[in-house]
Amino acid sequence: MTPEISVLIPVYNAEKYLPQCLRSLQEQTFSDFEIICIDDGSTDKSRQIIQNAALADPRICLICQTNQGVAFTRNRLIKQARGTYIAFVDADDFVLPEYLEKLYKTAKESAAEIVKCFFYETEEDGSLRSKAHCTKGFYRVPAKKDASRFRAGYEDSVLWGKLFQRLWLEKNQFEFWPGRVAEDFPFVVLTFLFADKIAVVAERLYCYRKGLSQAITSGSWNLTVGVLLNLLSLREDLLCRNRWNRQTASEWLRAAVWSYCRLRKFSIQQRQQQQELTRRVWQQMKQTVRYCSFLPQLRWRLFFLLVSVCGPKSRFFWGKIFR
């Protein structure tokens, strides 16, 4: 039988957390789902853990491959999925027992292409963090306008904690761009923009293990460079999909200025390594101003004028004020 939900888990050296992740899924109050794990060339005991779990639970499927990276792995997971809906779960996270049931029920009742829930941030040992760092924008239900959808996707740029209609993803050819860090944020932005309806389960049902040292995005320099690269590609994708307009241009520019300003935290030597990238981003930012509506256009023209008058070193100062 075809399951209603395909739970997709890319796995790479997650032996420490994988048992809790799988156990939390096996204990779901909703049962009509499959779990597809792709072991992306792990060198620890991740593969053995999944194999043992699959022997006890036929809903678990293991696929092994040489290391290809998380974007390639997620694309392959989508192709392997059979469910009406798909849910991404990170191998180092875990979920509450009613996670799938509540997302599924809301998806069926609302006919939404995307259903999202709220989440807990946990320490490495799984205990709740005393201070959460989630932005307020995560908790807003995104309005229909492109500007609201773009901003909501950018502020909620994670795959987990969501249920997606599988055939809708395939129809719109939403894919991850291999070889990138932060490959999830353009995927989320695009899906938010093109969804007719996004529903929200206003409960914390997903547990996100925050700040693990082995995560590739734990290096903020890698994350910053990845976001800038993805912003350039996202701009081109929006143009190709005929979704580049005044609203998306304004929000893209705001996101680009914010991401560009993150560079100030790093050394001159690091920035020099990415001179060509930062030059391209700055050039695209300046060109994007003309696509914005009247008031945002005035705002960003003033921003670039002030940088021109005060010199290149003032970019981060004015960017922090204008973003």
C-alpha atoms as a PDB file:
ATOM      1  CA  MET A   1       0.000   0.000   0.000  1.00  0.00           C
ATOM      2  CA  THR A   2       1.080   3.562  -0.678  1.00  0.00           C
ATOM      3  CA  PRO A   3       1.692   5.445   2.590  1.00  0.00           C
ATOM      4  CA  GLU A   4       0.093   8.806   3.247  1.00  0.00           C
ATOM      5  CA  ILE A   5       3.336  10.363   4.457  1.00  0.00           C
ATOM      6  CA  SER A   6       6.959   9.794   3.484  1.00  0.00           C
ATOM      7  CA  VAL A   7       9.368  10.886   6.209  1.00  0.00           C
ATOM      8  CA  LEU A   8      12.705  11.729   4.583  1.00  0.00           C
ATOM      9  CA  ILE A   9      15.941  11.644   6.586  1.00  0.00           C
ATOM     10  CA  PRO A  10      19.367  12.436   5.112  1.00  0.00           C
ATOM     11  CA  VAL A  11      21.964  10.776   7.348  1.00  0.00           C
ATOM     12  CA  TYR A  12      25.646  11.519   7.716  1.00  0.00           C
ATOM     13  CA  ASN A  13      27.584  10.476  10.835  1.00  0.00           C
ATOM     14  CA  ALA A  14      24.611  10.840  13.163  1.00  0.00           C
ATOM     15  CA  GLU A  15      25.084   7.742  15.336  1.00  0.00           C
ATOM     16  CA  LYS A  16      24.842   9.757  18.551  1.00  0.00           C
ATOM     17  CA  TYR A  17      21.355  11.120  17.839  1.00  0.00           C
ATOM     18  CA  LEU A  18      19.835   8.767  15.259  1.00  0.00           C
ATOM     19  CA  PRO A  19      18.341   6.254  17.742  1.00  0.00           C
ATOM     20  CA  GLN A  20      16.267   8.969  19.435  1.00  0.00           C
ATOM     21  CA  CYS A  21      15.224  10.393  16.063  1.00  0.00           C
ATOM     22  CA  LEU A  22      13.989   7.031  14.766  1.00  0.00           C
ATOM     23  CA  ARG A  23      12.383   6.075  18.062  1.00  0.00           C
ATOM     24  CA  SER A  24      10.394   9.332  18.165  1.00  0.00           C
ATOM     25  CA  LEU A  25       9.016   8.555  14.698  1.00  0.00           C
ATOM     26  CA  GLN A  26       8.195   4.960  15.554  1.00  0.00           C
ATOM     27  CA  GLU A  27       6.176   6.205  18.536  1.00  0.00           C
ATOM     28  CA  GLN A  28       3.909   8.423  16.429  1.00  0.00           C
ATOM     29  CA  THR A  29       0.161   8.323  17.055  1.00  0.00           C
ATOM     30  CA  PHE A  30      -0.237   8.377  13.250  1.00  0.00           C
ATOM     31  CA  SER A  31       0.889   5.118  11.630  1.00  0.00           C
ATOM     32  CA  ASP A  32       0.372   5.374   7.861  1.00  0.00           C
ATOM     33  CA  PHE A  33       3.850   6.517   6.900  1.00  0.00           C
ATOM     34  CA  GLU A  34       7.187   5.314   5.622  1.00  0.00           C
ATOM     35  CA  ILE A  35      10.643   6.398   6.763  1.00  0.00           C
ATOM     36  CA  ILE A  36      13.281   6.664   4.035  1.00  0.00           C
ATOM     37  CA  CYS A  37      16.847   7.140   5.231  1.00  0.00           C
ATOM     38  CA  ILE A  38      19.719   7.753   2.849  1.00  0.00           C
ATOM     39  CA  ASP A  39      23.104   7.133   4.418  1.00  0.00           C
ATOM     40  CA  ASP A  40      25.355   9.638   2.666  1.00  0.00           C
ATOM     41  CA  GLY A  41      28.637   7.774   3.113  1.00  0.00           C
ATOM     42  CA  SER A  42      28.734   7.806   6.921  1.00  0.00           C
ATOM     43  CA  THR A  43      31.955   6.600   8.540  1.00  0.00           C
ATOM     44  CA  ASP A  44      30.380   5.886  11.942  1.00  0.00           C
ATOM     45  CA  LYS A  45      27.679   3.370  12.948  1.00  0.00           C
ATOM     46  CA  SER A  46      24.742   5.258  11.403  1.00  0.00           C
ATOM     47  CA  ARG A  47      24.142   2.624   8.734  1.00  0.00           C
ATOM     48  CA  GLN A  48      24.110  -0.195  11.267  1.00  0.00           C
ATOM     49  CA  ILE A  49      21.647   1.683  13.492  1.00  0.00           C
ATOM     50  CA  ILE A  50      19.213   2.126  10.596  1.00  0.00           C
ATOM     51  CA  GLN A  51      19.617  -1.483   9.476  1.00  0.00           C
ATOM     52  CA  ASN A  52      18.785  -2.736  12.962  1.00  0.00           C
ATOM     53  CA  ALA A  53      15.767  -0.443  13.195  1.00  0.00           C
ATOM     54  CA  ALA A  54      14.541  -1.580   9.758  1.00  0.00           C
ATOM     55  CA  LEU A  55      14.647  -5.228  10.840  1.00  0.00           C
ATOM     56  CA  ALA A  56      12.176  -4.418  13.610  1.00  0.00           C
ATOM     57  CA  ASP A  57      10.019  -1.946  11.657  1.00  0.00           C
ATOM     58  CA  PRO A  58       9.162  -2.567   7.972  1.00  0.00           C
ATOM     59  CA  ARG A  59       8.205   1.091   7.531  1.00  0.00           C
ATOM     60  CA  ILE A  60      11.930   1.985   7.605  1.00  0.00           C
ATOM     61  CA  CYS A  61      13.856   1.869   4.333  1.00  0.00           C
ATOM     62  CA  LEU A  62      17.637   2.351   4.059  1.00  0.00           C
ATOM     63  CA  ILE A  63      19.428   3.521   0.918  1.00  0.00           C
ATOM     64  CA  CYS A  64      23.226   3.805   0.900  1.00  0.00           C
ATOM     65  CA  GLN A  65      25.387   6.007  -1.292  1.00  0.00           C
ATOM     66  CA  THR A  66      28.865   7.462  -1.401  1.00  0.00           C
ATOM     67  CA  ASN A  67      29.083  10.952   0.059  1.00  0.00           C
ATOM     68  CA  GLN A  68      27.214  13.365  -2.241  1.00  0.00           C
ATOM     69  CA  GLY A  69      26.180  16.148   0.111  1.00  0.00           C
ATOM     70  CA  VAL A  70      22.850  16.963   1.713  1.00  0.00           C
ATOM     71  CA  ALA A  71      21.286  18.765  -1.294  1.00  0.00           C
ATOM     72  CA  PHE A  72      21.875  15.816  -3.634  1.00  0.00           C
ATOM     73  CA  THR A  73      20.621  13.465  -0.923  1.00  0.00           C
ATOM     74  CA  ARG A  74      17.405  15.414  -0.375  1.00  0.00           C
ATOM     75  CA  ASN A  75      16.679  15.471  -4.105  1.00  0.00           C
ATOM     76  CA  ARG A  76      17.105  11.710  -4.198  1.00  0.00           C
ATOM     77  CA  LEU A  77      14.877  11.292  -1.148  1.00  0.00           C
ATOM     78  CA  ILE A  78      12.050  13.182  -2.869  1.00  0.00           C
ATOM     79  CA  LYS A  79      12.353  10.889  -5.902  1.00  0.00           C
ATOM     80  CA  GLN A  80      12.163   7.812  -3.669  1.00  0.00           C
ATOM     81  CA  ALA A  81       9.113   9.070  -1.725  1.00  0.00           C
ATOM     82  CA  ARG A  82       5.709   7.456  -2.388  1.00  0.00           C
ATOM     83  CA  GLY A  83       3.530   9.321   0.095  1.00  0.00           C
ATOM     84  CA  THR A  84       0.848  11.878  -0.605  1.00  0.00           C
ATOM     85  CA  TYR A  85       2.833  14.180   1.671  1.00  0.00           C
ATOM     86  CA  ILE A  86       6.492  14.387   2.571  1.00  0.00           C
ATOM     87  CA  ALA A  87       8.105  15.509   5.810  1.00  0.00           C
ATOM     88  CA  PHE A  88      11.812  16.211   6.215  1.00  0.00           C
ATOM     89  CA  VAL A  89      13.380  15.296   9.544  1.00  0.00           C
ATOM     90  CA  ASP A  90      17.034  15.906  10.404  1.00  0.00           C
ATOM     91  CA  ALA A  91      18.835  12.883  11.800  1.00  0.00           C
ATOM     92  CA  ASP A  92      19.958  14.760  14.921  1.00  0.00           C
ATOM     93  CA  ASP A  93      16.478  16.022  15.820  1.00  0.00           C
ATOM     94  CA  PHE A  94      13.366  14.337  17.217  1.00  0.00           C
ATOM     95  CA  VAL A  95       9.610  14.883  17.234  1.00  0.00           C
ATOM     96  CA  LEU A  96       6.715  14.689  19.661  1.00  0.00           C
ATOM     97  CA  PRO A  97       4.264  11.732  19.396  1.00  0.00           C
ATOM     98  CA  GLU A  98       1.470  13.728  17.706  1.00  0.00           C
ATOM     99  CA  TYR A  99       3.751  15.449  15.173  1.00  0.00           C
ATOM    100  CA  LEU A 100       2.623  13.623  12.024  1.00  0.00           C
ATOM    101  CA  GLU A 101      -1.001  13.196  13.104  1.00  0.00           C
ATOM    102  CA  LYS A 102      -1.606  16.904  13.689  1.00  0.00           C
ATOM    103  CA  LEU A 103       0.202  18.015  10.534  1.00  0.00           C
ATOM    104  CA  TYR A 104      -1.674  15.453   8.446  1.00  0.00           C
ATOM    105  CA  LYS A 105      -5.082  16.288   9.907  1.00  0.00           C
ATOM    106  CA  THR A 106      -4.553  19.994   9.204  1.00  0.00           C
ATOM    107  CA  ALA A 107      -3.319  19.262   5.673  1.00  0.00           C
ATOM    108  CA  LYS A 108      -6.421  17.220   4.842  1.00  0.00           C
ATOM    109  CA  GLU A 109      -8.856  19.709   6.391  1.00  0.00           C
ATOM    110  CA  SER A 110      -7.288  22.797   4.821  1.00  0.00           C
ATOM    111  CA  ALA A 111      -6.139  21.344   1.473  1.00  0.00           C
ATOM    112  CA  ALA A 112      -2.945  23.366   1.981  1.00  0.00           C
ATOM    113  CA  GLU A 113       0.163  22.571  -0.029  1.00  0.00           C
ATOM    114  CA  ILE A 114       2.277  23.318   3.039  1.00  0.00           C
ATOM    115  CA  VAL A 115       1.506  22.817   6.717  1.00  0.00           C
ATOM    116  CA  LYS A 116       3.962  24.002   9.364  1.00  0.00           C
ATOM    117  CA  CYS A 117       4.186  23.760  13.130  1.00  0.00           C
ATOM    118  CA  PHE A 118       6.252  25.416  15.841  1.00  0.00           C
ATOM    119  CA  PHE A 119       9.276  23.888  17.515  1.00  0.00           C
ATOM    120  CA  TYR A 120      11.400  23.564  20.632  1.00  0.00           C
ATOM    121  CA  GLU A 121      15.110  24.323  20.678  1.00  0.00           C
ATOM    122  CA  THR A 122      17.027  21.726  22.663  1.00  0.00           C
ATOM    123  CA  GLU A 123      20.546  21.350  23.968  1.00  0.00           C
ATOM    124  CA  GLU A 124      22.804  18.618  22.633  1.00  0.00           C
ATOM    125  CA  ASP A 125      21.546  16.218  25.322  1.00  0.00           C
ATOM    126  CA  GLY A 126      17.919  16.807  24.259  1.00  0.00           C
ATOM    127  CA  SER A 127      16.948  19.044  27.176  1.00  0.00           C
ATOM    128  CA  LEU A 128      15.062  22.249  26.387  1.00  0.00           C
ATOM    129  CA  ARG A 129      17.161  25.370  25.941  1.00  0.00           C
ATOM    130  CA  SER A 130      16.511  28.067  28.514  1.00  0.00           C
ATOM    131  CA  LYS A 131      16.630  30.784  25.851  1.00  0.00           C
ATOM    132  CA  ALA A 132      15.243  30.320  22.362  1.00  0.00           C
ATOM    133  CA  HIS A 133      16.578  32.308  19.397  1.00  0.00           C
ATOM    134  CA  CYS A 134      13.727  31.861  16.938  1.00  0.00           C
ATOM    135  CA  THR A 135      12.635  35.047  15.174  1.00  0.00           C
ATOM    136  CA  LYS A 136       9.106  36.345  15.735  1.00  0.00           C
ATOM    137  CA  GLY A 137       8.481  36.039  12.006  1.00  0.00           C
ATOM    138  CA  PHE A 138       8.496  32.265  12.328  1.00  0.00           C
ATOM    139  CA  TYR A 139       5.223  32.365  14.243  1.00  0.00           C
ATOM    140  CA  ARG A 140       3.338  34.575  11.789  1.00  0.00           C
ATOM    141  CA  VAL A 141       0.910  33.030   9.329  1.00  0.00           C
ATOM    142  CA  PRO A 142       2.193  34.337   5.974  1.00  0.00           C
ATOM    143  CA  ALA A 143      -0.274  36.468   4.035  1.00  0.00           C
ATOM    144  CA  LYS A 144      -0.924  35.851   0.340  1.00  0.00           C
ATOM    145  CA  LYS A 145       1.135  38.765  -1.003  1.00  0.00           C
ATOM    146  CA  ASP A 146       4.511  37.892  -2.517  1.00  0.00           C
ATOM    147  CA  ALA A 147       6.350  40.219  -0.146  1.00  0.00           C
ATOM    148  CA  SER A 148       4.856  38.498   2.903  1.00  0.00           C
ATOM    149  CA  ARG A 149       5.507  35.039   1.482  1.00  0.00           C
ATOM    150  CA  PHE A 150       9.130  35.837   0.608  1.00  0.00           C
ATOM    151  CA  ARG A 151       9.846  37.280   4.043  1.00  0.00           C
ATOM    152  CA  ALA A 152       8.081  34.406   5.805  1.00  0.00           C
ATOM    153  CA  GLY A 153      10.114  31.858   3.838  1.00  0.00           C
ATOM    154  CA  TYR A 154      13.350  33.677   4.547  1.00  0.00           C
ATOM    155  CA  GLU A 155      12.634  33.926   8.276  1.00  0.00           C
ATOM    156  CA  ASP A 156      11.421  30.316   8.447  1.00  0.00           C
ATOM    157  CA  SER A 157      14.084  28.856   6.177  1.00  0.00           C
ATOM    158  CA  VAL A 158      14.104  25.308   7.529  1.00  0.00           C
ATOM    159  CA  LEU A 159      12.653  22.167   5.973  1.00  0.00           C
ATOM    160  CA  TRP A 160      11.742  20.395   9.168  1.00  0.00           C
ATOM    161  CA  GLY A 161       8.505  21.086  11.007  1.00  0.00           C
ATOM    162  CA  LYS A 162       6.585  21.094   7.725  1.00  0.00           C
ATOM    163  CA  LEU A 163       4.448  18.824   5.579  1.00  0.00           C
ATOM    164  CA  PHE A 164       4.546  19.284   1.784  1.00  0.00           C
ATOM    165  CA  GLN A 165       2.263  17.892  -0.912  1.00  0.00           C
ATOM    166  CA  ARG A 166       4.583  15.624  -2.871  1.00  0.00           C
ATOM    167  CA  LEU A 167       2.986  15.849  -6.334  1.00  0.00           C
ATOM    168  CA  TRP A 168       2.791  19.628  -6.015  1.00  0.00           C
ATOM    169  CA  LEU A 169       6.548  19.758  -5.342  1.00  0.00           C
ATOM    170  CA  GLU A 170       7.213  17.591  -8.379  1.00  0.00           C
ATOM    171  CA  LYS A 171       4.858  19.586 -10.616  1.00  0.00           C
ATOM    172  CA  ASN A 172       6.683  22.821  -9.807  1.00  0.00           C
ATOM    173  CA  GLN A 173      10.108  21.173 -10.057  1.00  0.00           C
ATOM    174  CA  PHE A 174      11.291  22.443  -6.696  1.00  0.00           C
ATOM    175  CA  GLU A 175      14.791  21.083  -6.115  1.00  0.00           C
ATOM    176  CA  PHE A 176      17.831  21.664  -3.934  1.00  0.00           C
ATOM    177  CA  TRP A 177      20.955  23.112  -5.486  1.00  0.00           C
ATOM    178  CA  PRO A 178      23.839  20.634  -4.930  1.00  0.00           C
ATOM    179  CA  GLY A 179      27.171  21.786  -3.595  1.00  0.00           C
ATOM    180  CA  ARG A 180      25.701  24.595  -1.500  1.00  0.00           C
ATOM    181  CA  VAL A 181      25.416  25.386   2.182  1.00  0.00           C
ATOM    182  CA  ALA A 182      22.036  26.737   3.396  1.00  0.00           C
ATOM    183  CA  GLU A 183      20.381  25.019   0.437  1.00  0.00           C
ATOM    184  CA  ASP A 184      17.101  24.812   2.345  1.00  0.00           C
ATOM    185  CA  PHE A 185      16.290  28.538   2.440  1.00  0.00           C
ATOM    186  CA  PRO A 186      15.729  29.119  -1.321  1.00  0.00           C
ATOM    187  CA  PHE A 187      13.645  25.917  -1.425  1.00  0.00           C
ATOM    188  CA  VAL A 188      11.419  27.195   1.379  1.00  0.00           C
ATOM    189  CA  VAL A 189      11.139  30.693  -0.122  1.00  0.00           C
ATOM    190  CA  LEU A 190      10.075  29.284  -3.496  1.00  0.00           C
ATOM    191  CA  THR A 191       7.542  26.874  -2.020  1.00  0.00           C
ATOM    192  CA  PHE A 192       6.066  29.625   0.147  1.00  0.00           C
ATOM    193  CA  LEU A 193       5.724  31.908  -2.873  1.00  0.00           C
ATOM    194  CA  PHE A 194       3.997  29.334  -5.068  1.00  0.00           C
ATOM    195  CA  ALA A 195       1.717  27.678  -2.508  1.00  0.00           C
ATOM    196  CA  ASP A 196      -1.947  28.632  -2.812  1.00  0.00           C
ATOM    197  CA  LYS A 197      -2.379  27.953   0.885  1.00  0.00           C
ATOM    198  CA  ILE A 198      -0.074  27.564   3.878  1.00  0.00           C
ATOM    199  CA  ALA A 199      -1.650  26.243   7.073  1.00  0.00           C
ATOM    200  CA  VAL A 200      -0.203  26.444  10.581  1.00  0.00           C
ATOM    201  CA  VAL A 201      -0.497  24.100  13.542  1.00  0.00           C
ATOM    202  CA  ALA A 202       0.131  26.509  16.413  1.00  0.00           C
ATOM    203  CA  GLU A 203       1.836  23.941  18.613  1.00  0.00           C
ATOM    204  CA  ARG A 204       5.454  22.995  19.280  1.00  0.00           C
ATOM    205  CA  LEU A 205       5.766  19.501  17.859  1.00  0.00           C
ATOM    206  CA  TYR A 206       9.340  19.381  16.511  1.00  0.00           C
ATOM    207  CA  CYS A 207      12.516  19.378  18.611  1.00  0.00           C
ATOM    208  CA  TYR A 208      15.516  21.038  16.972  1.00  0.00           C
ATOM    209  CA  ARG A 209      18.904  20.246  18.481  1.00  0.00           C
ATOM    210  CA  LYS A 210      20.642  23.610  18.364  1.00  0.00           C
ATOM    211  CA  GLY A 211      24.294  24.408  17.757  1.00  0.00           C
ATOM    212  CA  LEU A 212      25.879  21.018  17.082  1.00  0.00           C
ATOM    213  CA  SER A 213      29.548  21.390  16.272  1.00  0.00           C
ATOM    214  CA  GLN A 214      29.509  18.837  13.445  1.00  0.00           C
ATOM    215  CA  ALA A 215      26.821  20.672  11.471  1.00  0.00           C
ATOM    216  CA  ILE A 216      28.246  22.178   8.292  1.00  0.00           C
ATOM    217  CA  THR A 217      26.326  25.385   8.922  1.00  0.00           C
ATOM    218  CA  SER A 218      27.747  25.674  12.433  1.00  0.00           C
ATOM    219  CA  GLY A 219      30.614  27.588  10.830  1.00  0.00           C
ATOM    220  CA  SER A 220      28.983  30.975  10.358  1.00  0.00           C
ATOM    221  CA  TRP A 221      31.452  31.898   7.600  1.00  0.00           C
ATOM    222  CA  ASN A 222      30.312  28.895   5.524  1.00  0.00           C
ATOM    223  CA  LEU A 223      26.706  29.811   6.217  1.00  0.00           C
ATOM    224  CA  THR A 224      27.168  33.451   5.183  1.00  0.00           C
ATOM    225  CA  VAL A 225      28.897  32.533   1.927  1.00  0.00           C
ATOM    226  CA  GLY A 226      26.244  29.905   1.207  1.00  0.00           C
ATOM    227  CA  VAL A 227      23.389  32.349   1.727  1.00  0.00           C
ATOM    228  CA  LEU A 228      24.973  34.912  -0.604  1.00  0.00           C
ATOM    229  CA  LEU A 229      25.481  32.300  -3.331  1.00  0.00           C
ATOM    230  CA  ASN A 230      21.912  31.081  -2.943  1.00  0.00           C
ATOM    231  CA  LEU A 231      20.521  34.603  -3.093  1.00  0.00           C
ATOM    232  CA  LEU A 232      22.160  35.097  -6.488  1.00  0.00           C
ATOM    233  CA  SER A 233      20.706  31.812  -7.749  1.00  0.00           C
ATOM    234  CA  LEU A 234      17.301  32.566  -6.218  1.00  0.00           C
ATOM    235  CA  ARG A 235      17.137  35.843  -8.106  1.00  0.00           C
ATOM    236  CA  GLU A 236      17.751  34.022 -11.391  1.00  0.00           C
ATOM    237  CA  ASP A 237      15.214  31.339 -10.519  1.00  0.00           C
ATOM    238  CA  LEU A 238      12.534  33.930  -9.754  1.00  0.00           C
ATOM    239  CA  LEU A 239      13.213  35.580 -13.111  1.00  0.00           C
ATOM    240  CA  CYS A 240      12.887  32.233 -14.911  1.00  0.00           C
ATOM    241  CA  ARG A 241       9.652  31.442 -13.073  1.00  0.00           C
ATOM    242  CA  ASN A 242       8.202  34.914 -13.862  1.00  0.00           C
ATOM    243  CA  ARG A 243       7.954  35.685 -10.142  1.00  0.00           C
ATOM    244  CA  TRP A 244      10.451  38.554 -10.124  1.00  0.00           C
ATOM    245  CA  ASN A 245       8.320  41.619  -9.390  1.00  0.00           C
ATOM    246  CA  ARG A 246       8.299  44.722  -7.198  1.00  0.00           C
ATOM    247  CA  GLN A 247       7.473  42.763  -4.068  1.00  0.00           C
ATOM    248  CA  THR A 248       9.962  39.921  -4.498  1.00  0.00           C
ATOM    249  CA  ALA A 249      12.657  42.359  -5.639  1.00  0.00           C
ATOM    250  CA  SER A 250      12.204  44.521  -2.531  1.00  0.00           C
ATOM    251  CA  GLU A 251      12.330  41.524  -0.205  1.00  0.00           C
ATOM    252  CA  TRP A 252      15.279  40.004  -2.066  1.00  0.00           C
ATOM    253  CA  LEU A 253      17.170  43.273  -1.694  1.00  0.00           C
ATOM    254  CA  ARG A 254      16.415  43.477   2.013  1.00  0.00           C
ATOM    255  CA  ALA A 255      17.628  39.892   2.491  1.00  0.00           C
ATOM    256  CA  ALA A 256      20.741  40.558   0.422  1.00  0.00           C
ATOM    257  CA  VAL A 257      21.671  43.670   2.431  1.00  0.00           C
ATOM    258  CA  TRP A 258      21.121  41.780   5.687  1.00  0.00           C
ATOM    259  CA  SER A 259      23.276  38.861   4.499  1.00  0.00           C
ATOM    260  CA  TYR A 260      25.950  41.177   3.106  1.00  0.00           C
ATOM    261  CA  CYS A 261      26.173  42.925   6.468  1.00  0.00           C
ATOM    262  CA  ARG A 262      27.001  39.611   8.134  1.00  0.00           C
ATOM    263  CA  LEU A 263      30.380  39.802   6.415  1.00  0.00           C
ATOM    264  CA  ARG A 264      31.464  42.506   8.859  1.00  0.00           C
ATOM    265  CA  LYS A 265      31.900  39.849  11.562  1.00  0.00           C
ATOM    266  CA  PHE A 266      34.750  38.205   9.680  1.00  0.00           C
ATOM    267  CA  SER A 267      38.373  39.102   9.066  1.00  0.00           C
ATOM    268  CA  ILE A 268      39.618  41.068   6.087  1.00  0.00           C
ATOM    269  CA  GLN A 269      41.503  37.967   4.962  1.00  0.00           C
ATOM    270  CA  GLN A 270      38.298  35.911   4.867  1.00  0.00           C
ATOM    271  CA  ARG A 271      36.461  38.611   2.966  1.00  0.00           C
ATOM    272  CA  GLN A 272      39.263  38.858   0.429  1.00  0.00           C
ATOM    273  CA  GLN A 273      38.821  35.162  -0.324  1.00  0.00           C
ATOM    274  CA  GLN A 274      35.292  35.912  -1.548  1.00  0.00           C
ATOM    275  CA  GLN A 275      35.908  39.226  -3.299  1.00  0.00           C
ATOM    276  CA  GLU A 276      34.388  38.057  -6.571  1.00  0.00           C
ATOM    277  CA  LEU A 277      31.245  36.794  -4.828  1.00  0.00           C
ATOM    278  CA  THR A 278      30.750  39.971  -2.793  1.00  0.00           C
ATOM    279  CA  ARG A 279      31.339  42.079  -5.898  1.00  0.00           C
ATOM    280  CA  ARG A 280      28.636  40.150  -7.775  1.00  0.00           C
ATOM    281  CA  VAL A 281      26.197  40.437  -4.881  1.00  0.00           C
ATOM    282  CA  TRP A 282      26.787  44.184  -4.515  1.00  0.00           C
ATOM    283  CA  GLN A 283      26.304  44.685  -8.253  1.00  0.00           C
ATOM    284  CA  GLN A 284      23.041  42.746  -8.245  1.00  0.00           C
ATOM    285  CA  MET A 285      21.840  44.689  -5.217  1.00  0.00           C
ATOM    286  CA  LYS A 286      22.367  47.988  -7.029  1.00  0.00           C
ATOM    287  CA  GLN A 287      20.613  46.714 -10.163  1.00  0.00           C
ATOM    288  CA  THR A 288      17.660  45.435  -8.154  1.00  0.00           C
ATOM    289  CA  VAL A 289      16.764  48.901  -6.819  1.00  0.00           C
ATOM    290  CA  ARG A 290      15.053  49.861 -10.079  1.00  0.00           C
ATOM    291  CA  TYR A 291      12.635  46.930  -9.779  1.00  0.00           C
ATOM    292  CA  CYS A 292      11.336  48.075  -6.384  1.00  0.00           C
ATOM    293  CA  SER A 293       8.181  50.091  -5.885  1.00  0.00           C
ATOM    294  CA  PHE A 294       8.362  53.834  -5.248  1.00  0.00           C
ATOM    295  CA  LEU A 295       9.039  54.097  -1.492  1.00  0.00           C
ATOM    296  CA  PRO A 296      11.444  51.136  -1.227  1.00  0.00           C
ATOM    297  CA  GLN A 297      13.237  52.459  -4.305  1.00  0.00           C
ATOM    298  CA  LEU A 298      13.753  55.848  -2.637  1.00  0.00           C
ATOM    299  CA  ARG A 299      15.001  54.131   0.498  1.00  0.00           C
ATOM    300  CA  TRP A 300      17.585  51.982  -1.280  1.00  0.00           C
ATOM    301  CA  ARG A 301      18.719  54.782  -3.589  1.00  0.00           C
ATOM    302  CA  LEU A 302      19.470  56.803  -0.458  1.00  0.00           C
ATOM    303  CA  PHE A 303      21.361  53.819   0.976  1.00  0.00           C
ATOM    304  CA  PHE A 304      23.627  53.506  -2.073  1.00  0.00           C
ATOM    305  CA  LEU A 305      24.075  57.291  -2.239  1.00  0.00           C
ATOM    306  CA  LEU A 306      25.286  57.395   1.362  1.00  0.00           C
ATOM    307  CA  VAL A 307      27.702  54.534   0.711  1.00  0.00           C
ATOM    308  CA  SER A 308      28.978  56.357  -2.365  1.00  0.00           C
ATOM    309  CA  VAL A 309      29.535  59.558  -0.396  1.00  0.00           C
ATOM    310  CA  CYS A 310      31.020  57.916   2.711  1.00  0.00           C
ATOM    311  CA  GLY A 311      33.086  55.291   0.933  1.00  0.00           C
ATOM    312  CA  PRO A 312      33.043  51.472   0.642  1.00  0.00           C
ATOM    313  CA  LYS A 313      33.986  50.997   4.305  1.00  0.00           C
ATOM    314  CA  SER A 314      30.622  52.486   5.302  1.00  0.00           C
ATOM    315  CA  ARG A 315      28.645  49.695   3.616  1.00  0.00           C
ATOM    316  CA  PHE A 316      28.217  47.688   6.801  1.00  0.00           C
ATOM    317  CA  PHE A 317      27.281  50.740   8.874  1.00  0.00           C
ATOM    318  CA  TRP A 318      24.583  51.974   6.507  1.00  0.00           C
ATOM    319  CA  GLY A 319      23.451  48.418   5.763  1.00  0.00           C
ATOM    320  CA  LYS A 320      22.790  47.803   9.449  1.00  0.00           C
ATOM    321  CA  ILE A 321      20.637  50.948   9.596  1.00  0.00           C
ATOM    322  CA  PHE A 322      18.699  50.460   6.344  1.00  0.00           C
ATOM    323  CA  ARG A 323      18.042  46.738   6.412  1.00  0.00           C
END
